[in-house]
Amino acid sequence: VKKTAIREYANVKKSGLVAINLRDNDELIEVKYTNNEQD
């Protein structure tokens, strides 16, 4: 799991933007919008 400030994704280029670094044989499956107060 990983948590990153939403403002770091404010300027998404046409060619895309790196959201997370992944290990081998892993992939990103879900993303949620949070306020740092969630379970």
PDB file of all heavy atoms in Angstrom:
ATOM      1  N   VAL A   1       0.852  -1.191   0.000  1.00  0.00           N
ATOM      2  CA  VAL A   1       0.000   0.000   0.000  1.00  0.00           C
ATOM      3  C   VAL A   1       0.887   1.240   0.000  1.00  0.00           C
ATOM      4  O   VAL A   1       2.033   1.213   0.441  1.00  0.00           O
ATOM      5  CB  VAL A   1      -0.946   0.019   1.223  1.00  0.00           C
ATOM      6  CG1 VAL A   1      -1.954  -1.096   1.141  1.00  0.00           C
ATOM      7  CG2 VAL A   1      -0.158  -0.050   2.527  1.00  0.00           C
ATOM      8  N   LYS A   2       0.312   2.352  -0.482  1.00  0.00           N
ATOM      9  CA  LYS A   2       1.067   3.593  -0.581  1.00  0.00           C
ATOM     10  C   LYS A   2       0.105   4.768  -0.486  1.00  0.00           C
ATOM     11  O   LYS A   2      -1.013   4.706  -1.015  1.00  0.00           O
ATOM     12  CB  LYS A   2       1.830   3.642  -1.904  1.00  0.00           C
ATOM     13  CG  LYS A   2       2.537   4.962  -2.162  1.00  0.00           C
ATOM     14  CD  LYS A   2       2.987   5.038  -3.605  1.00  0.00           C
ATOM     15  CE  LYS A   2       3.378   6.459  -3.941  1.00  0.00           C
ATOM     16  NZ  LYS A   2       3.720   6.629  -5.359  1.00  0.00           N
ATOM     17  N   LYS A   3       0.545   5.842   0.176  1.00  0.00           N
ATOM     18  CA  LYS A   3      -0.268   7.059   0.315  1.00  0.00           C
ATOM     19  C   LYS A   3       0.542   8.252  -0.180  1.00  0.00           C
ATOM     20  O   LYS A   3       1.672   8.476   0.260  1.00  0.00           O
ATOM     21  CB  LYS A   3      -0.668   7.255   1.786  1.00  0.00           C
ATOM     22  CG  LYS A   3      -1.548   8.469   2.021  1.00  0.00           C
ATOM     23  CD  LYS A   3      -2.019   8.520   3.475  1.00  0.00           C
ATOM     24  CE  LYS A   3      -0.851   8.755   4.423  1.00  0.00           C
ATOM     25  NZ  LYS A   3      -1.284   8.874   5.819  1.00  0.00           N
ATOM     26  N   THR A   4      -0.052   9.022  -1.094  1.00  0.00           N
ATOM     27  CA  THR A   4       0.627  10.179  -1.686  1.00  0.00           C
ATOM     28  C   THR A   4      -0.353  11.338  -1.796  1.00  0.00           C
ATOM     29  O   THR A   4      -1.529  11.145  -2.115  1.00  0.00           O
ATOM     30  CB  THR A   4       1.174   9.833  -3.083  1.00  0.00           C
ATOM     31  OG1 THR A   4       2.043   8.709  -2.986  1.00  0.00           O
ATOM     32  CG2 THR A   4       1.947  11.000  -3.673  1.00  0.00           C
ATOM     33  N   ALA A   5       0.122  12.559  -1.528  1.00  0.00           N
ATOM     34  CA  ALA A   5      -0.715  13.750  -1.622  1.00  0.00           C
ATOM     35  C   ALA A   5      -1.279  13.892  -3.032  1.00  0.00           C
ATOM     36  O   ALA A   5      -0.564  13.726  -4.025  1.00  0.00           O
ATOM     37  CB  ALA A   5       0.088  14.990  -1.245  1.00  0.00           C
ATOM     38  N   ILE A   6      -2.569  14.211  -3.126  1.00  0.00           N
ATOM     39  CA  ILE A   6      -3.244  14.305  -4.420  1.00  0.00           C
ATOM     40  C   ILE A   6      -2.656  15.405  -5.292  1.00  0.00           C
ATOM     41  O   ILE A   6      -2.629  15.310  -6.522  1.00  0.00           O
ATOM     42  CB  ILE A   6      -4.766  14.528  -4.210  1.00  0.00           C
ATOM     43  CG1 ILE A   6      -5.513  14.560  -5.546  1.00  0.00           C
ATOM     44  CG2 ILE A   6      -5.016  15.808  -3.447  1.00  0.00           C
ATOM     45  CD1 ILE A   6      -5.481  13.260  -6.290  1.00  0.00           C
ATOM     46  N   ARG A   7      -2.117  16.467  -4.658  1.00  0.00           N
ATOM     47  CA  ARG A   7      -1.583  17.586  -5.427  1.00  0.00           C
ATOM     48  C   ARG A   7      -0.358  17.178  -6.252  1.00  0.00           C
ATOM     49  O   ARG A   7      -0.002  17.871  -7.211  1.00  0.00           O
ATOM     50  CB  ARG A   7      -1.242  18.750  -4.503  1.00  0.00           C
ATOM     51  CG  ARG A   7      -2.463  19.367  -3.832  1.00  0.00           C
ATOM     52  CD  ARG A   7      -2.075  20.555  -2.975  1.00  0.00           C
ATOM     53  NE  ARG A   7      -1.578  21.660  -3.785  1.00  0.00           N
ATOM     54  CZ  ARG A   7      -2.346  22.574  -4.356  1.00  0.00           C
ATOM     55  NH1 ARG A   7      -3.662  22.505  -4.206  1.00  0.00           N
ATOM     56  NH2 ARG A   7      -1.820  23.552  -5.043  1.00  0.00           N
ATOM     57  N   GLU A   8       0.291  16.092  -5.901  1.00  0.00           N
ATOM     58  CA  GLU A   8       1.429  15.631  -6.687  1.00  0.00           C
ATOM     59  C   GLU A   8       1.000  15.065  -8.039  1.00  0.00           C
ATOM     60  O   GLU A   8       1.838  14.806  -8.903  1.00  0.00           O
ATOM     61  CB  GLU A   8       2.228  14.585  -5.908  1.00  0.00           C
ATOM     62  CG  GLU A   8       2.903  15.138  -4.659  1.00  0.00           C
ATOM     63  CD  GLU A   8       4.082  14.286  -4.222  1.00  0.00           C
ATOM     64  OE1 GLU A   8       4.691  13.620  -5.091  1.00  0.00           O
ATOM     65  OE2 GLU A   8       4.381  14.293  -3.015  1.00  0.00           O
ATOM     66  N   TYR A   9      -0.325  14.893  -8.225  1.00  0.00           N
ATOM     67  CA  TYR A   9      -0.834  14.357  -9.483  1.00  0.00           C
ATOM     68  C   TYR A   9      -1.643  15.412 -10.244  1.00  0.00           C
ATOM     69  O   TYR A   9      -2.428  15.086 -11.128  1.00  0.00           O
ATOM     70  CB  TYR A   9      -1.715  13.139  -9.220  1.00  0.00           C
ATOM     71  CG  TYR A   9      -0.987  12.017  -8.516  1.00  0.00           C
ATOM     72  CD1 TYR A   9      -0.976  11.935  -7.128  1.00  0.00           C
ATOM     73  CD2 TYR A   9      -0.306  11.046  -9.236  1.00  0.00           C
ATOM     74  CE1 TYR A   9      -0.298  10.917  -6.474  1.00  0.00           C
ATOM     75  CE2 TYR A   9       0.364  10.024  -8.591  1.00  0.00           C
ATOM     76  CZ  TYR A   9       0.367   9.965  -7.216  1.00  0.00           C
ATOM     77  OH  TYR A   9       1.033   8.953  -6.574  1.00  0.00           O
ATOM     78  N   ALA A  10      -1.440  16.681  -9.904  1.00  0.00           N
ATOM     79  CA  ALA A  10      -2.243  17.747 -10.510  1.00  0.00           C
ATOM     80  C   ALA A  10      -1.860  18.006 -11.963  1.00  0.00           C
ATOM     81  O   ALA A  10      -2.681  18.484 -12.749  1.00  0.00           O
ATOM     82  CB  ALA A  10      -2.114  19.038  -9.695  1.00  0.00           C
ATOM     83  N   ASN A  11      -0.633  17.722 -12.326  1.00  0.00           N
ATOM     84  CA  ASN A  11      -0.171  18.008 -13.688  1.00  0.00           C
ATOM     85  C   ASN A  11       0.186  16.711 -14.403  1.00  0.00           C
ATOM     86  O   ASN A  11       1.354  16.340 -14.513  1.00  0.00           O
ATOM     87  CB  ASN A  11       1.045  18.947 -13.655  1.00  0.00           C
ATOM     88  CG  ASN A  11       0.721  20.286 -13.016  1.00  0.00           C
ATOM     89  OD1 ASN A  11      -0.294  20.892 -13.331  1.00  0.00           O
ATOM     90  ND2 ASN A  11       1.567  20.731 -12.110  1.00  0.00           N
ATOM     91  N   VAL A  12      -0.838  16.030 -14.843  1.00  0.00           N
ATOM     92  CA  VAL A  12      -0.640  14.767 -15.559  1.00  0.00           C
ATOM     93  C   VAL A  12      -0.386  15.071 -17.030  1.00  0.00           C
ATOM     94  O   VAL A  12      -1.198  15.716 -17.690  1.00  0.00           O
ATOM     95  CB  VAL A  12      -1.859  13.838 -15.408  1.00  0.00           C
ATOM     96  CG1 VAL A  12      -1.640  12.535 -16.169  1.00  0.00           C
ATOM     97  CG2 VAL A  12      -2.123  13.562 -13.941  1.00  0.00           C
ATOM     98  N   LYS A  13       0.741  14.618 -17.544  1.00  0.00           N
ATOM     99  CA  LYS A  13       1.092  14.857 -18.935  1.00  0.00           C
ATOM    100  C   LYS A  13       0.299  13.948 -19.860  1.00  0.00           C
ATOM    101  O   LYS A  13      -0.300  12.973 -19.439  1.00  0.00           O
ATOM    102  CB  LYS A  13       2.592  14.618 -19.133  1.00  0.00           C
ATOM    103  CG  LYS A  13       3.491  15.494 -18.277  1.00  0.00           C
ATOM    104  CD  LYS A  13       4.947  15.145 -18.497  1.00  0.00           C
ATOM    105  CE  LYS A  13       5.855  15.984 -17.604  1.00  0.00           C
ATOM    106  NZ  LYS A  13       7.278  15.612 -17.769  1.00  0.00           N
ATOM    107  N   LYS A  14       0.328  14.309 -21.142  1.00  0.00           N
ATOM    108  CA  LYS A  14      -0.362  13.488 -22.134  1.00  0.00           C
ATOM    109  C   LYS A  14       0.211  12.080 -22.172  1.00  0.00           C
ATOM    110  O   LYS A  14      -0.502  11.105 -22.410  1.00  0.00           O
ATOM    111  CB  LYS A  14      -0.224  14.147 -23.509  1.00  0.00           C
ATOM    112  CG  LYS A  14      -1.062  13.515 -24.585  1.00  0.00           C
ATOM    113  CD  LYS A  14      -2.523  13.893 -24.454  1.00  0.00           C
ATOM    114  CE  LYS A  14      -3.339  13.365 -25.621  1.00  0.00           C
ATOM    115  NZ  LYS A  14      -4.775  13.660 -25.477  1.00  0.00           N
ATOM    116  N   SER A  15       1.515  11.970 -21.917  1.00  0.00           N
ATOM    117  CA  SER A  15       2.175  10.669 -21.949  1.00  0.00           C
ATOM    118  C   SER A  15       2.074   9.926 -20.631  1.00  0.00           C
ATOM    119  O   SER A  15       2.654   8.853 -20.472  1.00  0.00           O
ATOM    120  CB  SER A  15       3.653  10.852 -22.320  1.00  0.00           C
ATOM    121  OG  SER A  15       4.304  11.695 -21.384  1.00  0.00           O
ATOM    122  N   GLY A  16       1.346  10.473 -19.658  1.00  0.00           N
ATOM    123  CA  GLY A  16       1.166   9.827 -18.373  1.00  0.00           C
ATOM    124  C   GLY A  16       2.167  10.298 -17.329  1.00  0.00           C
ATOM    125  O   GLY A  16       3.080  11.085 -17.611  1.00  0.00           O
ATOM    126  N   LEU A  17       1.980   9.826 -16.097  1.00  0.00           N
ATOM    127  CA  LEU A  17       2.806  10.231 -14.967  1.00  0.00           C
ATOM    128  C   LEU A  17       3.030   9.002 -14.080  1.00  0.00           C
ATOM    129  O   LEU A  17       2.144   8.166 -13.926  1.00  0.00           O
ATOM    130  CB  LEU A  17       2.077  11.323 -14.170  1.00  0.00           C
ATOM    131  CG  LEU A  17       2.898  12.189 -13.214  1.00  0.00           C
ATOM    132  CD1 LEU A  17       3.859  13.071 -13.990  1.00  0.00           C
ATOM    133  CD2 LEU A  17       1.965  13.053 -12.376  1.00  0.00           C
ATOM    134  N   VAL A  18       4.216   8.893 -13.493  1.00  0.00           N
ATOM    135  CA  VAL A  18       4.507   7.772 -12.596  1.00  0.00           C
ATOM    136  C   VAL A  18       3.699   7.927 -11.310  1.00  0.00           C
ATOM    137  O   VAL A  18       3.785   8.954 -10.631  1.00  0.00           O
ATOM    138  CB  VAL A  18       6.004   7.696 -12.271  1.00  0.00           C
ATOM    139  CG1 VAL A  18       6.265   6.612 -11.230  1.00  0.00           C
ATOM    140  CG2 VAL A  18       6.810   7.412 -13.531  1.00  0.00           C
ATOM    141  N   ALA A  19       2.876   6.935 -10.981  1.00  0.00           N
ATOM    142  CA  ALA A  19       2.055   6.987  -9.774  1.00  0.00           C
ATOM    143  C   ALA A  19       2.675   6.187  -8.632  1.00  0.00           C
ATOM    144  O   ALA A  19       2.545   6.562  -7.471  1.00  0.00           O
ATOM    145  CB  ALA A  19       0.645   6.464 -10.072  1.00  0.00           C
ATOM    146  N   ILE A  20       3.342   5.070  -8.950  1.00  0.00           N
ATOM    147  CA  ILE A  20       3.942   4.215  -7.935  1.00  0.00           C
ATOM    148  C   ILE A  20       5.005   3.345  -8.589  1.00  0.00           C
ATOM    149  O   ILE A  20       4.867   2.948  -9.755  1.00  0.00           O
ATOM    150  CB  ILE A  20       2.868   3.319  -7.253  1.00  0.00           C
ATOM    151  CG1 ILE A  20       3.483   2.461  -6.146  1.00  0.00           C
ATOM    152  CG2 ILE A  20       2.142   2.479  -8.271  1.00  0.00           C
ATOM    153  CD1 ILE A  20       2.447   1.648  -5.366  1.00  0.00           C
ATOM    154  N   ASN A  21       6.084   3.082  -7.849  1.00  0.00           N
ATOM    155  CA  ASN A  21       7.090   2.133  -8.311  1.00  0.00           C
ATOM    156  C   ASN A  21       6.685   0.731  -7.872  1.00  0.00           C
ATOM    157  O   ASN A  21       6.355   0.517  -6.703  1.00  0.00           O
ATOM    158  CB  ASN A  21       8.469   2.478  -7.743  1.00  0.00           C
ATOM    159  CG  ASN A  21       9.217   3.448  -8.636  1.00  0.00           C
ATOM    160  OD1 ASN A  21       8.963   3.516  -9.829  1.00  0.00           O
ATOM    161  ND2 ASN A  21      10.140   4.201  -8.062  1.00  0.00           N
ATOM    162  N   LEU A  22       6.713  -0.214  -8.794  1.00  0.00           N
ATOM    163  CA  LEU A  22       6.256  -1.574  -8.507  1.00  0.00           C
ATOM    164  C   LEU A  22       7.407  -2.566  -8.537  1.00  0.00           C
ATOM    165  O   LEU A  22       8.356  -2.420  -9.313  1.00  0.00           O
ATOM    166  CB  LEU A  22       5.198  -1.996  -9.537  1.00  0.00           C
ATOM    167  CG  LEU A  22       3.895  -1.205  -9.524  1.00  0.00           C
ATOM    168  CD1 LEU A  22       3.038  -1.600 -10.706  1.00  0.00           C
ATOM    169  CD2 LEU A  22       3.140  -1.420  -8.222  1.00  0.00           C
ATOM    170  N   ARG A  23       7.307  -3.583  -7.691  1.00  0.00           N
ATOM    171  CA  ARG A  23       8.265  -4.678  -7.717  1.00  0.00           C
ATOM    172  C   ARG A  23       7.923  -5.634  -8.858  1.00  0.00           C
ATOM    173  O   ARG A  23       6.860  -5.544  -9.473  1.00  0.00           O
ATOM    174  CB  ARG A  23       8.243  -5.428  -6.381  1.00  0.00           C
ATOM    175  CG  ARG A  23       8.671  -4.565  -5.203  1.00  0.00           C
ATOM    176  CD  ARG A  23       8.516  -5.318  -3.896  1.00  0.00           C
ATOM    177  NE  ARG A  23       8.935  -4.511  -2.751  1.00  0.00           N
ATOM    178  CZ  ARG A  23       8.796  -4.876  -1.492  1.00  0.00           C
ATOM    179  NH1 ARG A  23       8.253  -6.059  -1.212  1.00  0.00           N
ATOM    180  NH2 ARG A  23       9.195  -4.082  -0.518  1.00  0.00           N
ATOM    181  N   ASP A  24       8.837  -6.546  -9.119  1.00  0.00           N
ATOM    182  CA  ASP A  24       8.592  -7.532 -10.175  1.00  0.00           C
ATOM    183  C   ASP A  24       7.371  -8.393  -9.821  1.00  0.00           C
ATOM    184  O   ASP A  24       7.131  -8.716  -8.661  1.00  0.00           O
ATOM    185  CB  ASP A  24       9.813  -8.441 -10.356  1.00  0.00           C
ATOM    186  CG  ASP A  24      11.015  -7.682 -10.893  1.00  0.00           C
ATOM    187  OD1 ASP A  24      10.798  -6.614 -11.503  1.00  0.00           O
ATOM    188  OD2 ASP A  24      12.152  -8.148 -10.698  1.00  0.00           O
ATOM    189  N   ASN A  25       6.592  -8.730 -10.849  1.00  0.00           N
ATOM    190  CA  ASN A  25       5.412  -9.595 -10.695  1.00  0.00           C
ATOM    191  C   ASN A  25       4.339  -8.981  -9.800  1.00  0.00           C
ATOM    192  O   ASN A  25       3.559  -9.688  -9.169  1.00  0.00           O
ATOM    193  CB  ASN A  25       5.809 -10.975 -10.146  1.00  0.00           C
ATOM    194  CG  ASN A  25       6.800 -11.678 -11.045  1.00  0.00           C
ATOM    195  OD1 ASN A  25       6.673 -11.628 -12.267  1.00  0.00           O
ATOM    196  ND2 ASN A  25       7.799 -12.317 -10.446  1.00  0.00           N
ATOM    197  N   ASP A  26       4.301  -7.673  -9.711  1.00  0.00           N
ATOM    198  CA  ASP A  26       3.263  -6.978  -8.945  1.00  0.00           C
ATOM    199  C   ASP A  26       2.586  -5.958  -9.849  1.00  0.00           C
ATOM    200  O   ASP A  26       3.153  -5.532 -10.862  1.00  0.00           O
ATOM    201  CB  ASP A  26       3.864  -6.297  -7.716  1.00  0.00           C
ATOM    202  CG  ASP A  26       2.791  -5.937  -6.688  1.00  0.00           C
ATOM    203  OD1 ASP A  26       1.624  -6.325  -6.899  1.00  0.00           O
ATOM    204  OD2 ASP A  26       3.134  -5.269  -5.693  1.00  0.00           O
ATOM    205  N   GLU A  27       1.378  -5.564  -9.484  1.00  0.00           N
ATOM    206  CA  GLU A  27       0.675  -4.543 -10.251  1.00  0.00           C
ATOM    207  C   GLU A  27      -0.279  -3.774  -9.365  1.00  0.00           C
ATOM    208  O   GLU A  27      -0.720  -4.265  -8.318  1.00  0.00           O
ATOM    209  CB  GLU A  27      -0.077  -5.169 -11.424  1.00  0.00           C
ATOM    210  CG  GLU A  27      -1.164  -6.146 -11.029  1.00  0.00           C
ATOM    211  CD  GLU A  27      -1.854  -6.745 -12.245  1.00  0.00           C
ATOM    212  OE1 GLU A  27      -1.299  -6.683 -13.353  1.00  0.00           O
ATOM    213  OE2 GLU A  27      -2.969  -7.267 -12.075  1.00  0.00           O
ATOM    214  N   LEU A  28      -0.576  -2.564  -9.772  1.00  0.00           N
ATOM    215  CA  LEU A  28      -1.504  -1.696  -9.045  1.00  0.00           C
ATOM    216  C   LEU A  28      -2.929  -2.126  -9.350  1.00  0.00           C
ATOM    217  O   LEU A  28      -3.296  -2.299 -10.511  1.00  0.00           O
ATOM    218  CB  LEU A  28      -1.282  -0.249  -9.469  1.00  0.00           C
ATOM    219  CG  LEU A  28      -2.130   0.828  -8.807  1.00  0.00           C
ATOM    220  CD1 LEU A  28      -1.802   0.936  -7.322  1.00  0.00           C
ATOM    221  CD2 LEU A  28      -1.905   2.174  -9.490  1.00  0.00           C
ATOM    222  N   ILE A  29      -3.761  -2.325  -8.299  1.00  0.00           N
ATOM    223  CA  ILE A  29      -5.127  -2.810  -8.540  1.00  0.00           C
ATOM    224  C   ILE A  29      -6.207  -1.823  -8.124  1.00  0.00           C
ATOM    225  O   ILE A  29      -7.318  -1.863  -8.633  1.00  0.00           O
ATOM    226  CB  ILE A  29      -5.385  -4.143  -7.807  1.00  0.00           C
ATOM    227  CG1 ILE A  29      -5.303  -3.941  -6.289  1.00  0.00           C
ATOM    228  CG2 ILE A  29      -4.436  -5.215  -8.287  1.00  0.00           C
ATOM    229  CD1 ILE A  29      -6.025  -5.001  -5.512  1.00  0.00           C
ATOM    230  N   GLU A  30      -5.924  -0.916  -7.169  1.00  0.00           N
ATOM    231  CA  GLU A  30      -6.983  -0.041  -6.685  1.00  0.00           C
ATOM    232  C   GLU A  30      -6.406   1.242  -6.109  1.00  0.00           C
ATOM    233  O   GLU A  30      -5.289   1.253  -5.586  1.00  0.00           O
ATOM    234  CB  GLU A  30      -7.814  -0.766  -5.607  1.00  0.00           C
ATOM    235  CG  GLU A  30      -9.065  -0.016  -5.163  1.00  0.00           C
ATOM    236  CD  GLU A  30     -10.040   0.209  -6.294  1.00  0.00           C
ATOM    237  OE1 GLU A  30      -9.834   1.177  -7.060  1.00  0.00           O
ATOM    238  OE2 GLU A  30     -11.009  -0.548  -6.423  1.00  0.00           O
ATOM    239  N   VAL A  31      -7.176   2.317  -6.220  1.00  0.00           N
ATOM    240  CA  VAL A  31      -6.788   3.622  -5.687  1.00  0.00           C
ATOM    241  C   VAL A  31      -8.016   4.250  -5.037  1.00  0.00           C
ATOM    242  O   VAL A  31      -9.117   4.167  -5.570  1.00  0.00           O
ATOM    243  CB  VAL A  31      -6.248   4.547  -6.795  1.00  0.00           C
ATOM    244  CG1 VAL A  31      -5.811   5.882  -6.211  1.00  0.00           C
ATOM    245  CG2 VAL A  31      -5.104   3.897  -7.541  1.00  0.00           C
ATOM    246  N   LYS A  32      -7.834   4.873  -3.872  1.00  0.00           N
ATOM    247  CA  LYS A  32      -8.915   5.564  -3.174  1.00  0.00           C
ATOM    248  C   LYS A  32      -8.502   7.003  -2.872  1.00  0.00           C
ATOM    249  O   LYS A  32      -7.326   7.304  -2.657  1.00  0.00           O
ATOM    250  CB  LYS A  32      -9.256   4.859  -1.856  1.00  0.00           C
ATOM    251  CG  LYS A  32      -9.833   3.468  -2.011  1.00  0.00           C
ATOM    252  CD  LYS A  32     -11.178   3.500  -2.696  1.00  0.00           C
ATOM    253  CE  LYS A  32     -11.772   2.105  -2.809  1.00  0.00           C
ATOM    254  NZ  LYS A  32     -13.025   2.100  -3.562  1.00  0.00           N
ATOM    255  N   TYR A  33      -9.477   7.870  -2.853  1.00  0.00           N
ATOM    256  CA  TYR A  33      -9.289   9.281  -2.508  1.00  0.00           C
ATOM    257  C   TYR A  33      -9.577   9.438  -1.010  1.00  0.00           C
ATOM    258  O   TYR A  33     -10.684   9.143  -0.567  1.00  0.00           O
ATOM    259  CB  TYR A  33     -10.251  10.116  -3.340  1.00  0.00           C
ATOM    260  CG  TYR A  33     -10.134  11.606  -3.167  1.00  0.00           C
ATOM    261  CD1 TYR A  33      -9.274  12.348  -3.975  1.00  0.00           C
ATOM    262  CD2 TYR A  33     -10.912  12.287  -2.236  1.00  0.00           C
ATOM    263  CE1 TYR A  33      -9.190  13.712  -3.838  1.00  0.00           C
ATOM    264  CE2 TYR A  33     -10.826  13.651  -2.098  1.00  0.00           C
ATOM    265  CZ  TYR A  33      -9.967  14.362  -2.904  1.00  0.00           C
ATOM    266  OH  TYR A  33      -9.890  15.730  -2.773  1.00  0.00           O
ATOM    267  N   THR A  34      -8.595   9.859  -0.202  1.00  0.00           N
ATOM    268  CA  THR A  34      -8.742   9.858   1.251  1.00  0.00           C
ATOM    269  C   THR A  34      -8.334  11.198   1.860  1.00  0.00           C
ATOM    270  O   THR A  34      -7.773  12.067   1.189  1.00  0.00           O
ATOM    271  CB  THR A  34      -7.882   8.753   1.886  1.00  0.00           C
ATOM    272  OG1 THR A  34      -6.491   9.043   1.635  1.00  0.00           O
ATOM    273  CG2 THR A  34      -8.216   7.391   1.304  1.00  0.00           C
ATOM    274  N   ASN A  35      -8.612  11.323   3.176  1.00  0.00           N
ATOM    275  CA  ASN A  35      -8.288  12.552   3.924  1.00  0.00           C
ATOM    276  C   ASN A  35      -7.358  12.269   5.106  1.00  0.00           C
ATOM    277  O   ASN A  35      -7.276  13.074   6.033  1.00  0.00           O
ATOM    278  CB  ASN A  35      -9.572  13.212   4.417  1.00  0.00           C
ATOM    279  CG  ASN A  35     -10.410  12.283   5.277  1.00  0.00           C
ATOM    280  OD1 ASN A  35     -10.009  11.155   5.560  1.00  0.00           O
ATOM    281  ND2 ASN A  35     -11.577  12.753   5.686  1.00  0.00           N
ATOM    282  N   ASN A  36      -6.712  11.109   5.119  1.00  0.00           N
ATOM    283  CA  ASN A  36      -5.784  10.699   6.187  1.00  0.00           C
ATOM    284  C   ASN A  36      -6.493  10.380   7.495  1.00  0.00           C
ATOM    285  O   ASN A  36      -5.869  10.359   8.556  1.00  0.00           O
ATOM    286  CB  ASN A  36      -4.708  11.771   6.427  1.00  0.00           C
ATOM    287  CG  ASN A  36      -3.436  11.184   7.025  1.00  0.00           C
ATOM    288  OD1 ASN A  36      -3.081  10.048   6.758  1.00  0.00           O
ATOM    289  ND2 ASN A  36      -2.745  11.971   7.842  1.00  0.00           N
ATOM    290  N   GLU A  37      -7.794  10.145   7.453  1.00  0.00           N
ATOM    291  CA  GLU A  37      -8.561   9.828   8.658  1.00  0.00           C
ATOM    292  C   GLU A  37      -9.350   8.536   8.504  1.00  0.00           C
ATOM    293  O   GLU A  37     -10.245   8.256   9.301  1.00  0.00           O
ATOM    294  CB  GLU A  37      -9.518  10.976   8.990  1.00  0.00           C
ATOM    295  CG  GLU A  37      -8.820  12.303   9.263  1.00  0.00           C
ATOM    296  CD  GLU A  37      -9.809  13.433   9.496  1.00  0.00           C
ATOM    297  OE1 GLU A  37     -11.028  13.171   9.377  1.00  0.00           O
ATOM    298  OE2 GLU A  37      -9.365  14.565   9.776  1.00  0.00           O
ATOM    299  N   GLN A  38      -9.034   7.748   7.487  1.00  0.00           N
ATOM    300  CA  GLN A  38      -9.842   6.580   7.170  1.00  0.00           C
ATOM    301  C   GLN A  38      -9.277   5.295   7.776  1.00  0.00           C
ATOM    302  O   GLN A  38      -8.092   5.206   8.109  1.00  0.00           O
ATOM    303  CB  GLN A  38      -9.927   6.407   5.649  1.00  0.00           C
ATOM    304  CG  GLN A  38     -10.515   7.589   4.911  1.00  0.00           C
ATOM    305  CD  GLN A  38     -11.990   7.757   5.186  1.00  0.00           C
ATOM    306  OE1 GLN A  38     -12.667   6.809   5.581  1.00  0.00           O
ATOM    307  NE2 GLN A  38     -12.506   8.956   4.968  1.00  0.00           N
ATOM    308  N   ASP A  39     -10.165   4.299   7.916  1.00  0.00           N
ATOM    309  CA  ASP A  39      -9.762   2.919   8.148  1.00  0.00           C
ATOM    310  C   ASP A  39      -9.806   2.200   6.813  1.00  0.00           C
ATOM    311  O   ASP A  39     -10.811   2.290   6.078  1.00  0.00           O
ATOM    312  CB  ASP A  39     -10.700   2.231   9.143  1.00  0.00           C
ATOM    313  CG  ASP A  39     -10.391   2.624  10.580  1.00  0.00           C
ATOM    314  OD1 ASP A  39      -9.419   3.384  10.787  1.00  0.00           O
ATOM    315  OD2 ASP A  39     -11.119   2.173  11.480  1.00  0.00           O
TER     316      ASP A  39
END
